[in-house]
Amino acid sequence: MANWFITGISRGFGRIMAEELLAQGHTVIGTTRDGRAPILHDRLTVFKLDVRDADQARAVLEEAVASTGGIDVLVNNAGYGLVGAVEEVSPAEAEAVIATNLIGTHNVIRAALPSMRAQRRGHIVNFSSVGGFAGSVGFGLYNASKFAVEGLSEALALELKPFGIGVTIVEPGYFRTEFLSADSAVKAAHSIEAYAQSAGQTRSNVSAHDGSQAGDPAKGVRAIIAAVESPEPPLRLPLGADCIARMEAKIAQLQADIATWRDVATATAFDS
């Protein structure tokens, strides 16, 4: 059995993953913003952590390592969505979502890596989203934060391979968690009438889809655990038919752009 450290277990994927891992016999160290445990179990320890606080992340990871003997799997799950056209999102709102989704992930990784490198094994799971692979109307700054997580993760995987530490980027499509609920999906305070028929529609409809998403988070969690425990864990784990469809559409568009502009793009070197 392994020791799993999961940020953001108060609800959604984080809580469901904690419950599944405990049922499978693993030990879980979870974090919540207020330090309260959403579930009680003798193999669950919950710490208070604001992932935006690098010093707090370091202290929590040090205590978690001391109490368990080492973290086998780190799951960066804490994060939130931000709805609003790029022009509508204020600098403060942009900084806040990036501070949680990107900088928070970076803080926890930096706090965990000294012990992981010392034990020369382990795995890091970074939650991204289909929105970390393909942008969509009304989610521009959220997309930016998750695109950044993907770039960080790709580089991290290359840097950690010599230490026997793997990295997996999880990219869920729409799953029936609280992500789209009025309590979770933050909407930009400012709205611009010019975007009423584009980002405005996303703003209006985002909570209406809550509870009707096709993805079963319990099945998604089991897929993540299976991927981590597989002999060759993937760098990317897209989850959901909707995610696969959007990824394939973007890949096709990339291939079309490359084919159309290949001659122009490759004719940019100095003349010999």
C-alpha atoms as a PDB file:
ATOM      1  CA  MET A   1       0.000   0.000   0.000  1.00  0.00           C
ATOM      2  CA  ALA A   2       1.139   3.540  -0.764  1.00  0.00           C
ATOM      3  CA  ASN A   3       1.039   6.976   0.851  1.00  0.00           C
ATOM      4  CA  TRP A   4      -0.942   9.457  -1.269  1.00  0.00           C
ATOM      5  CA  PHE A   5      -0.869  13.223  -0.648  1.00  0.00           C
ATOM      6  CA  ILE A   6      -3.863  15.019  -2.193  1.00  0.00           C
ATOM      7  CA  THR A   7      -4.586  18.743  -2.150  1.00  0.00           C
ATOM      8  CA  GLY A   8      -8.189  19.910  -2.039  1.00  0.00           C
ATOM      9  CA  ILE A   9     -10.119  16.919  -0.668  1.00  0.00           C
ATOM     10  CA  SER A  10     -13.124  18.859   0.597  1.00  0.00           C
ATOM     11  CA  ARG A  11     -15.197  17.929  -2.460  1.00  0.00           C
ATOM     12  CA  GLY A  12     -15.116  16.829  -6.086  1.00  0.00           C
ATOM     13  CA  PHE A  13     -12.352  14.670  -7.480  1.00  0.00           C
ATOM     14  CA  GLY A  14     -10.206  15.190  -4.387  1.00  0.00           C
ATOM     15  CA  ARG A  15     -12.745  13.825  -1.928  1.00  0.00           C
ATOM     16  CA  ILE A  16     -13.818  10.955  -4.176  1.00  0.00           C
ATOM     17  CA  MET A  17     -10.186   9.991  -4.756  1.00  0.00           C
ATOM     18  CA  ALA A  18      -9.480  10.026  -1.021  1.00  0.00           C
ATOM     19  CA  GLU A  19     -12.475   7.773  -0.377  1.00  0.00           C
ATOM     20  CA  GLU A  20     -11.491   5.329  -3.120  1.00  0.00           C
ATOM     21  CA  LEU A  21      -7.862   5.122  -2.010  1.00  0.00           C
ATOM     22  CA  LEU A  22      -8.879   4.491   1.595  1.00  0.00           C
ATOM     23  CA  ALA A  23     -11.238   1.751   0.437  1.00  0.00           C
ATOM     24  CA  GLN A  24      -8.334   0.160  -1.439  1.00  0.00           C
ATOM     25  CA  GLY A  25      -6.175   0.170   1.697  1.00  0.00           C
ATOM     26  CA  HIS A  26      -3.892   3.122   0.986  1.00  0.00           C
ATOM     27  CA  THR A  27      -2.921   5.898   3.382  1.00  0.00           C
ATOM     28  CA  VAL A  28      -4.132   9.386   2.459  1.00  0.00           C
ATOM     29  CA  ILE A  29      -2.795  12.740   3.573  1.00  0.00           C
ATOM     30  CA  GLY A  30      -5.269  15.361   2.412  1.00  0.00           C
ATOM     31  CA  THR A  31      -5.498  19.126   2.589  1.00  0.00           C
ATOM     32  CA  THR A  32      -8.390  21.545   2.825  1.00  0.00           C
ATOM     33  CA  ARG A  33      -8.466  25.327   3.096  1.00  0.00           C
ATOM     34  CA  ASP A  34      -9.921  25.202   6.624  1.00  0.00           C
ATOM     35  CA  GLY A  35      -8.246  22.027   7.862  1.00  0.00           C
ATOM     36  CA  ARG A  36     -11.549  20.230   8.354  1.00  0.00           C
ATOM     37  CA  ALA A  37     -11.811  16.597   7.328  1.00  0.00           C
ATOM     38  CA  PRO A  38     -14.757  15.905   4.996  1.00  0.00           C
ATOM     39  CA  ILE A  39     -14.577  12.232   5.978  1.00  0.00           C
ATOM     40  CA  LEU A  40     -13.173  10.372   8.974  1.00  0.00           C
ATOM     41  CA  HIS A  41     -10.841   7.373   8.664  1.00  0.00           C
ATOM     42  CA  ASP A  42      -7.944   5.989  10.678  1.00  0.00           C
ATOM     43  CA  ARG A  43      -5.701   6.112   7.574  1.00  0.00           C
ATOM     44  CA  LEU A  44      -6.630   9.694   6.687  1.00  0.00           C
ATOM     45  CA  THR A  45      -4.776  12.747   7.994  1.00  0.00           C
ATOM     46  CA  VAL A  46      -5.985  16.206   7.013  1.00  0.00           C
ATOM     47  CA  PHE A  47      -3.902  19.388   7.094  1.00  0.00           C
ATOM     48  CA  LYS A  48      -4.941  22.995   6.671  1.00  0.00           C
ATOM     49  CA  LEU A  49      -3.281  24.357   3.542  1.00  0.00           C
ATOM     50  CA  ASP A  50      -3.645  27.332   1.279  1.00  0.00           C
ATOM     51  CA  VAL A  51      -1.581  26.165  -1.687  1.00  0.00           C
ATOM     52  CA  ARG A  52      -0.750  29.787  -2.537  1.00  0.00           C
ATOM     53  CA  ASP A  53       1.401  29.949   0.614  1.00  0.00           C
ATOM     54  CA  ALA A  54       4.793  28.417  -0.191  1.00  0.00           C
ATOM     55  CA  ASP A  55       5.975  28.415   3.445  1.00  0.00           C
ATOM     56  CA  GLN A  56       2.823  26.692   4.613  1.00  0.00           C
ATOM     57  CA  ALA A  57       3.138  24.113   1.845  1.00  0.00           C
ATOM     58  CA  ARG A  58       6.712  23.373   2.899  1.00  0.00           C
ATOM     59  CA  ALA A  59       5.746  22.959   6.557  1.00  0.00           C
ATOM     60  CA  VAL A  60       2.802  20.688   5.749  1.00  0.00           C
ATOM     61  CA  LEU A  61       4.841  18.459   3.446  1.00  0.00           C
ATOM     62  CA  GLU A  62       7.632  18.163   5.994  1.00  0.00           C
ATOM     63  CA  GLU A  63       5.139  17.066   8.657  1.00  0.00           C
ATOM     64  CA  ALA A  64       3.436  14.663   6.252  1.00  0.00           C
ATOM     65  CA  VAL A  65       6.746  13.048   5.324  1.00  0.00           C
ATOM     66  CA  ALA A  66       7.777  12.786   8.968  1.00  0.00           C
ATOM     67  CA  SER A  67       4.503  11.096   9.939  1.00  0.00           C
ATOM     68  CA  THR A  68       4.339   8.631   7.037  1.00  0.00           C
ATOM     69  CA  GLY A  69       7.975   7.991   6.205  1.00  0.00           C
ATOM     70  CA  GLY A  70       7.557   9.361   2.687  1.00  0.00           C
ATOM     71  CA  ILE A  71       5.052  10.364   0.020  1.00  0.00           C
ATOM     72  CA  ASP A  72       4.634   7.879  -2.813  1.00  0.00           C
ATOM     73  CA  VAL A  73       2.092   9.803  -4.897  1.00  0.00           C
ATOM     74  CA  LEU A  74       1.465  13.557  -4.872  1.00  0.00           C
ATOM     75  CA  VAL A  75      -1.832  14.738  -6.385  1.00  0.00           C
ATOM     76  CA  ASN A  76      -2.196  18.454  -7.129  1.00  0.00           C
ATOM     77  CA  ASN A  77      -5.965  18.706  -7.289  1.00  0.00           C
ATOM     78  CA  ALA A  78      -6.719  22.056  -5.609  1.00  0.00           C
ATOM     79  CA  GLY A  79      -7.972  24.676  -8.044  1.00  0.00           C
ATOM     80  CA  TYR A  80     -11.040  26.432  -9.392  1.00  0.00           C
ATOM     81  CA  GLY A  81     -12.643  27.693 -12.579  1.00  0.00           C
ATOM     82  CA  LEU A  82     -13.027  31.311 -13.661  1.00  0.00           C
ATOM     83  CA  VAL A  83     -15.692  32.336 -16.181  1.00  0.00           C
ATOM     84  CA  GLY A  84     -15.444  35.514 -18.198  1.00  0.00           C
ATOM     85  CA  ALA A  85     -14.191  36.843 -21.519  1.00  0.00           C
ATOM     86  CA  VAL A  86     -10.505  37.706 -21.530  1.00  0.00           C
ATOM     87  CA  GLU A  87     -11.333  41.419 -21.655  1.00  0.00           C
ATOM     88  CA  GLU A  88     -13.810  41.103 -18.791  1.00  0.00           C
ATOM     89  CA  VAL A  89     -11.416  39.474 -16.311  1.00  0.00           C
ATOM     90  CA  SER A  90      -9.676  41.996 -14.062  1.00  0.00           C
ATOM     91  CA  PRO A  91      -5.948  41.829 -13.237  1.00  0.00           C
ATOM     92  CA  ALA A  92      -6.812  40.831  -9.662  1.00  0.00           C
ATOM     93  CA  GLU A  93      -9.089  38.009 -10.849  1.00  0.00           C
ATOM     94  CA  ALA A  94      -6.447  36.795 -13.305  1.00  0.00           C
ATOM     95  CA  GLU A  95      -3.753  36.841 -10.649  1.00  0.00           C
ATOM     96  CA  ALA A  96      -5.972  34.942  -8.206  1.00  0.00           C
ATOM     97  CA  VAL A  97      -6.784  32.038 -10.525  1.00  0.00           C
ATOM     98  CA  ILE A  98      -3.162  31.746 -11.656  1.00  0.00           C
ATOM     99  CA  ALA A  99      -1.964  31.944  -8.040  1.00  0.00           C
ATOM    100  CA  THR A 100      -4.107  28.954  -7.096  1.00  0.00           C
ATOM    101  CA  ASN A 101      -4.057  26.791 -10.209  1.00  0.00           C
ATOM    102  CA  LEU A 102      -0.442  27.321 -11.282  1.00  0.00           C
ATOM    103  CA  ILE A 103       1.606  28.836  -8.457  1.00  0.00           C
ATOM    104  CA  GLY A 104      -0.168  26.668  -5.896  1.00  0.00           C
ATOM    105  CA  THR A 105       0.731  23.555  -7.868  1.00  0.00           C
ATOM    106  CA  HIS A 106       4.322  24.777  -8.141  1.00  0.00           C
ATOM    107  CA  ASN A 107       4.510  25.467  -4.391  1.00  0.00           C
ATOM    108  CA  VAL A 108       3.371  21.960  -3.456  1.00  0.00           C
ATOM    109  CA  ILE A 109       5.681  20.303  -5.994  1.00  0.00           C
ATOM    110  CA  ARG A 110       8.695  22.227  -4.681  1.00  0.00           C
ATOM    111  CA  ALA A 111       7.770  21.265  -1.121  1.00  0.00           C
ATOM    112  CA  ALA A 112       7.453  17.568  -1.965  1.00  0.00           C
ATOM    113  CA  LEU A 113      10.445  17.060  -4.240  1.00  0.00           C
ATOM    114  CA  PRO A 114      13.338  17.032  -1.724  1.00  0.00           C
ATOM    115  CA  SER A 115      11.986  13.907  -0.017  1.00  0.00           C
ATOM    116  CA  MET A 116      10.891  12.315  -3.304  1.00  0.00           C
ATOM    117  CA  ARG A 117      14.328  12.834  -4.822  1.00  0.00           C
ATOM    118  CA  ALA A 118      15.962  11.409  -1.706  1.00  0.00           C
ATOM    119  CA  GLN A 119      13.879   8.223  -1.932  1.00  0.00           C
ATOM    120  CA  ARG A 120      14.386   8.163  -5.744  1.00  0.00           C
ATOM    121  CA  ARG A 121      10.863   7.106  -6.489  1.00  0.00           C
ATOM    122  CA  GLY A 122       7.353   8.475  -6.569  1.00  0.00           C
ATOM    123  CA  HIS A 123       4.755   9.918  -8.877  1.00  0.00           C
ATOM    124  CA  ILE A 124       3.232  13.378  -9.301  1.00  0.00           C
ATOM    125  CA  VAL A 125      -0.298  13.822 -10.649  1.00  0.00           C
ATOM    126  CA  ASN A 126      -1.162  17.347 -11.772  1.00  0.00           C
ATOM    127  CA  PHE A 127      -4.819  18.071 -12.446  1.00  0.00           C
ATOM    128  CA  SER A 128      -5.290  20.043 -15.618  1.00  0.00           C
ATOM    129  CA  SER A 129      -8.456  19.881 -17.709  1.00  0.00           C
ATOM    130  CA  VAL A 130      -9.592  19.552 -21.283  1.00  0.00           C
ATOM    131  CA  GLY A 131      -9.383  23.344 -20.880  1.00  0.00           C
ATOM    132  CA  GLY A 132      -5.654  22.960 -20.364  1.00  0.00           C
ATOM    133  CA  PHE A 133      -5.334  21.501 -23.863  1.00  0.00           C
ATOM    134  CA  ALA A 134      -7.934  23.442 -25.852  1.00  0.00           C
ATOM    135  CA  GLY A 135      -9.262  26.919 -25.163  1.00  0.00           C
ATOM    136  CA  SER A 136     -12.956  27.741 -25.056  1.00  0.00           C
ATOM    137  CA  VAL A 137     -15.089  30.869 -25.070  1.00  0.00           C
ATOM    138  CA  GLY A 138     -15.495  32.391 -21.629  1.00  0.00           C
ATOM    139  CA  PHE A 139     -12.701  30.437 -19.971  1.00  0.00           C
ATOM    140  CA  GLY A 140      -9.637  32.268 -21.286  1.00  0.00           C
ATOM    141  CA  LEU A 141      -7.862  32.950 -17.987  1.00  0.00           C
ATOM    142  CA  TYR A 142      -8.769  29.539 -16.604  1.00  0.00           C
ATOM    143  CA  ASN A 143      -7.416  28.058 -19.841  1.00  0.00           C
ATOM    144  CA  ALA A 144      -4.231  30.062 -19.387  1.00  0.00           C
ATOM    145  CA  SER A 145      -3.712  28.750 -15.856  1.00  0.00           C
ATOM    146  CA  LYS A 146      -4.175  25.139 -16.929  1.00  0.00           C
ATOM    147  CA  PHE A 147      -2.143  25.483 -20.148  1.00  0.00           C
ATOM    148  CA  ALA A 148       0.655  26.662 -17.843  1.00  0.00           C
ATOM    149  CA  VAL A 149       0.232  23.599 -15.609  1.00  0.00           C
ATOM    150  CA  GLU A 150       0.667  21.412 -18.696  1.00  0.00           C
ATOM    151  CA  GLY A 151       3.856  23.164 -19.760  1.00  0.00           C
ATOM    152  CA  LEU A 152       5.245  22.942 -16.241  1.00  0.00           C
ATOM    153  CA  SER A 153       4.352  19.251 -16.106  1.00  0.00           C
ATOM    154  CA  GLU A 154       5.987  18.393 -19.423  1.00  0.00           C
ATOM    155  CA  ALA A 155       9.267  19.976 -18.334  1.00  0.00           C
ATOM    156  CA  LEU A 156       8.978  18.464 -14.875  1.00  0.00           C
ATOM    157  CA  ALA A 157       8.580  14.967 -16.303  1.00  0.00           C
ATOM    158  CA  LEU A 158      11.861  15.328 -18.197  1.00  0.00           C
ATOM    159  CA  GLU A 159      13.671  16.768 -15.172  1.00  0.00           C
ATOM    160  CA  LEU A 160      12.499  14.067 -12.776  1.00  0.00           C
ATOM    161  CA  LYS A 161      12.959  10.999 -14.968  1.00  0.00           C
ATOM    162  CA  PRO A 162      16.587  10.453 -13.792  1.00  0.00           C
ATOM    163  CA  PHE A 163      15.317  10.280 -10.188  1.00  0.00           C
ATOM    164  CA  GLY A 164      12.711   7.604 -10.901  1.00  0.00           C
ATOM    165  CA  ILE A 165       9.832  10.033 -10.365  1.00  0.00           C
ATOM    166  CA  GLY A 166       6.990  10.054 -12.870  1.00  0.00           C
ATOM    167  CA  VAL A 167       4.510  12.758 -13.837  1.00  0.00           C
ATOM    168  CA  THR A 168       0.964  12.446 -15.148  1.00  0.00           C
ATOM    169  CA  ILE A 169      -1.270  15.290 -16.339  1.00  0.00           C
ATOM    170  CA  VAL A 170      -4.961  14.510 -15.758  1.00  0.00           C
ATOM    171  CA  GLU A 171      -7.293  16.184 -18.268  1.00  0.00           C
ATOM    172  CA  PRO A 172     -10.949  15.662 -17.344  1.00  0.00           C
ATOM    173  CA  GLY A 173     -13.771  16.727 -19.589  1.00  0.00           C
ATOM    174  CA  TYR A 174     -17.104  17.516 -17.956  1.00  0.00           C
ATOM    175  CA  PHE A 175     -17.620  15.321 -14.883  1.00  0.00           C
ATOM    176  CA  ARG A 176     -20.456  15.469 -12.392  1.00  0.00           C
ATOM    177  CA  THR A 177     -18.524  17.207  -9.630  1.00  0.00           C
ATOM    178  CA  GLU A 178     -19.153  20.615  -8.065  1.00  0.00           C
ATOM    179  CA  PHE A 179     -16.827  22.339 -10.578  1.00  0.00           C
ATOM    180  CA  LEU A 180     -19.717  24.068 -12.394  1.00  0.00           C
ATOM    181  CA  SER A 181     -21.762  24.829  -9.290  1.00  0.00           C
ATOM    182  CA  ALA A 182     -22.500  28.393  -8.232  1.00  0.00           C
ATOM    183  CA  ASP A 183     -20.292  27.820  -5.166  1.00  0.00           C
ATOM    184  CA  SER A 184     -17.278  26.686  -7.224  1.00  0.00           C
ATOM    185  CA  ALA A 185     -17.166  28.343 -10.647  1.00  0.00           C
ATOM    186  CA  VAL A 186     -16.183  31.978 -10.088  1.00  0.00           C
ATOM    187  CA  LYS A 187     -17.563  34.515 -12.549  1.00  0.00           C
ATOM    188  CA  ALA A 188     -15.719  37.699 -13.458  1.00  0.00           C
ATOM    189  CA  ALA A 189     -17.277  40.645 -11.663  1.00  0.00           C
ATOM    190  CA  HIS A 190     -17.303  42.824 -14.786  1.00  0.00           C
ATOM    191  CA  SER A 191     -19.326  41.985 -17.889  1.00  0.00           C
ATOM    192  CA  ILE A 192     -19.268  43.655 -21.301  1.00  0.00           C
ATOM    193  CA  GLU A 193     -22.419  43.712 -23.423  1.00  0.00           C
ATOM    194  CA  ALA A 194     -20.422  43.148 -26.619  1.00  0.00           C
ATOM    195  CA  TYR A 195     -19.694  39.589 -25.446  1.00  0.00           C
ATOM    196  CA  ALA A 196     -23.305  38.756 -24.574  1.00  0.00           C
ATOM    197  CA  GLN A 197     -23.656  36.213 -27.373  1.00  0.00           C
ATOM    198  CA  SER A 198     -20.282  34.537 -26.800  1.00  0.00           C
ATOM    199  CA  ALA A 199     -18.660  34.565 -23.352  1.00  0.00           C
ATOM    200  CA  GLY A 200     -21.935  35.902 -21.973  1.00  0.00           C
ATOM    201  CA  GLN A 201     -23.669  32.689 -22.980  1.00  0.00           C
ATOM    202  CA  THR A 202     -21.000  30.697 -21.160  1.00  0.00           C
ATOM    203  CA  ARG A 203     -21.482  32.904 -18.105  1.00  0.00           C
ATOM    204  CA  SER A 204     -25.256  32.346 -18.181  1.00  0.00           C
ATOM    205  CA  ASN A 205     -25.187  28.621 -18.842  1.00  0.00           C
ATOM    206  CA  VAL A 206     -22.255  27.348 -16.812  1.00  0.00           C
ATOM    207  CA  SER A 207     -24.193  26.601 -13.627  1.00  0.00           C
ATOM    208  CA  ALA A 208     -27.213  25.296 -15.566  1.00  0.00           C
ATOM    209  CA  HIS A 209     -25.162  22.287 -16.672  1.00  0.00           C
ATOM    210  CA  ASP A 210     -24.210  21.407 -13.094  1.00  0.00           C
ATOM    211  CA  GLY A 211     -25.528  17.958 -12.253  1.00  0.00           C
ATOM    212  CA  SER A 212     -26.042  16.841 -15.856  1.00  0.00           C
ATOM    213  CA  GLN A 213     -22.423  16.224 -16.889  1.00  0.00           C
ATOM    214  CA  ALA A 214     -21.839  12.841 -18.535  1.00  0.00           C
ATOM    215  CA  GLY A 215     -18.660  11.964 -16.640  1.00  0.00           C
ATOM    216  CA  ASP A 216     -18.852   9.774 -13.527  1.00  0.00           C
ATOM    217  CA  PRO A 217     -16.150  11.058 -11.143  1.00  0.00           C
ATOM    218  CA  ALA A 218     -15.902   7.717  -9.321  1.00  0.00           C
ATOM    219  CA  LYS A 219     -14.994   6.019 -12.614  1.00  0.00           C
ATOM    220  CA  GLY A 220     -12.612   8.887 -13.407  1.00  0.00           C
ATOM    221  CA  VAL A 221     -10.842   8.447 -10.071  1.00  0.00           C
ATOM    222  CA  ARG A 222     -10.432   4.710 -10.613  1.00  0.00           C
ATOM    223  CA  ALA A 223      -8.931   5.423 -14.044  1.00  0.00           C
ATOM    224  CA  ILE A 224      -6.403   7.828 -12.493  1.00  0.00           C
ATOM    225  CA  ILE A 225      -5.372   5.331  -9.820  1.00  0.00           C
ATOM    226  CA  ALA A 226      -5.040   2.579 -12.417  1.00  0.00           C
ATOM    227  CA  ALA A 227      -2.863   4.822 -14.584  1.00  0.00           C
ATOM    228  CA  VAL A 228      -0.550   5.727 -11.701  1.00  0.00           C
ATOM    229  CA  GLU A 229      -0.222   2.083 -10.672  1.00  0.00           C
ATOM    230  CA  SER A 230       0.371   0.833 -14.220  1.00  0.00           C
ATOM    231  CA  PRO A 231       3.871  -0.326 -15.266  1.00  0.00           C
ATOM    232  CA  GLU A 232       4.190   2.692 -17.591  1.00  0.00           C
ATOM    233  CA  PRO A 233       2.042   5.595 -16.379  1.00  0.00           C
ATOM    234  CA  PRO A 234       1.098   8.045 -19.141  1.00  0.00           C
ATOM    235  CA  LEU A 235       2.274  11.641 -19.312  1.00  0.00           C
ATOM    236  CA  ARG A 236      -1.270  12.627 -20.247  1.00  0.00           C
ATOM    237  CA  LEU A 237      -4.509  11.013 -19.127  1.00  0.00           C
ATOM    238  CA  PRO A 238      -7.528  12.519 -20.930  1.00  0.00           C
ATOM    239  CA  LEU A 239     -10.805  11.545 -19.253  1.00  0.00           C
ATOM    240  CA  GLY A 240     -14.173  11.434 -20.963  1.00  0.00           C
ATOM    241  CA  ALA A 241     -15.395  11.075 -24.522  1.00  0.00           C
ATOM    242  CA  ASP A 242     -15.963  14.836 -24.688  1.00  0.00           C
ATOM    243  CA  CYS A 243     -12.327  15.461 -23.772  1.00  0.00           C
ATOM    244  CA  ILE A 244     -11.068  13.021 -26.406  1.00  0.00           C
ATOM    245  CA  ALA A 245     -13.251  14.663 -29.071  1.00  0.00           C
ATOM    246  CA  ARG A 246     -11.985  18.176 -28.288  1.00  0.00           C
ATOM    247  CA  MET A 247      -8.383  17.032 -28.199  1.00  0.00           C
ATOM    248  CA  GLU A 248      -8.711  15.244 -31.534  1.00  0.00           C
ATOM    249  CA  ALA A 249     -10.355  18.317 -33.070  1.00  0.00           C
ATOM    250  CA  LYS A 250      -7.510  20.535 -31.897  1.00  0.00           C
ATOM    251  CA  ILE A 251      -4.866  18.082 -33.121  1.00  0.00           C
ATOM    252  CA  ALA A 252      -6.562  17.995 -36.527  1.00  0.00           C
ATOM    253  CA  GLN A 253      -6.563  21.807 -36.660  1.00  0.00           C
ATOM    254  CA  LEU A 254      -2.879  21.901 -35.723  1.00  0.00           C
ATOM    255  CA  GLN A 255      -2.064  19.406 -38.437  1.00  0.00           C
ATOM    256  CA  ALA A 256      -4.073  21.425 -40.965  1.00  0.00           C
ATOM    257  CA  ASP A 257      -2.273  24.654 -40.035  1.00  0.00           C
ATOM    258  CA  ILE A 258       1.112  22.960 -40.285  1.00  0.00           C
ATOM    259  CA  ALA A 259       0.270  21.469 -43.679  1.00  0.00           C
ATOM    260  CA  THR A 260      -1.017  24.786 -45.047  1.00  0.00           C
ATOM    261  CA  TRP A 261       1.866  26.908 -43.790  1.00  0.00           C
ATOM    262  CA  ARG A 262       4.749  24.411 -43.862  1.00  0.00           C
ATOM    263  CA  ASP A 263       6.514  25.928 -46.864  1.00  0.00           C
ATOM    264  CA  VAL A 264       6.252  29.476 -45.510  1.00  0.00           C
ATOM    265  CA  ALA A 265       7.314  28.399 -42.016  1.00  0.00           C
ATOM    266  CA  THR A 266      10.355  26.442 -43.179  1.00  0.00           C
ATOM    267  CA  ALA A 267      11.517  29.193 -45.547  1.00  0.00           C
ATOM    268  CA  THR A 268      12.512  31.481 -42.650  1.00  0.00           C
ATOM    269  CA  ALA A 269      16.163  30.396 -42.249  1.00  0.00           C
ATOM    270  CA  PHE A 270      19.085  32.543 -43.381  1.00  0.00           C
ATOM    271  CA  ASP A 271      20.013  31.981 -47.036  1.00  0.00           C
ATOM    272  CA  SER A 272      22.981  29.666 -47.259  1.00  0.00           C
END
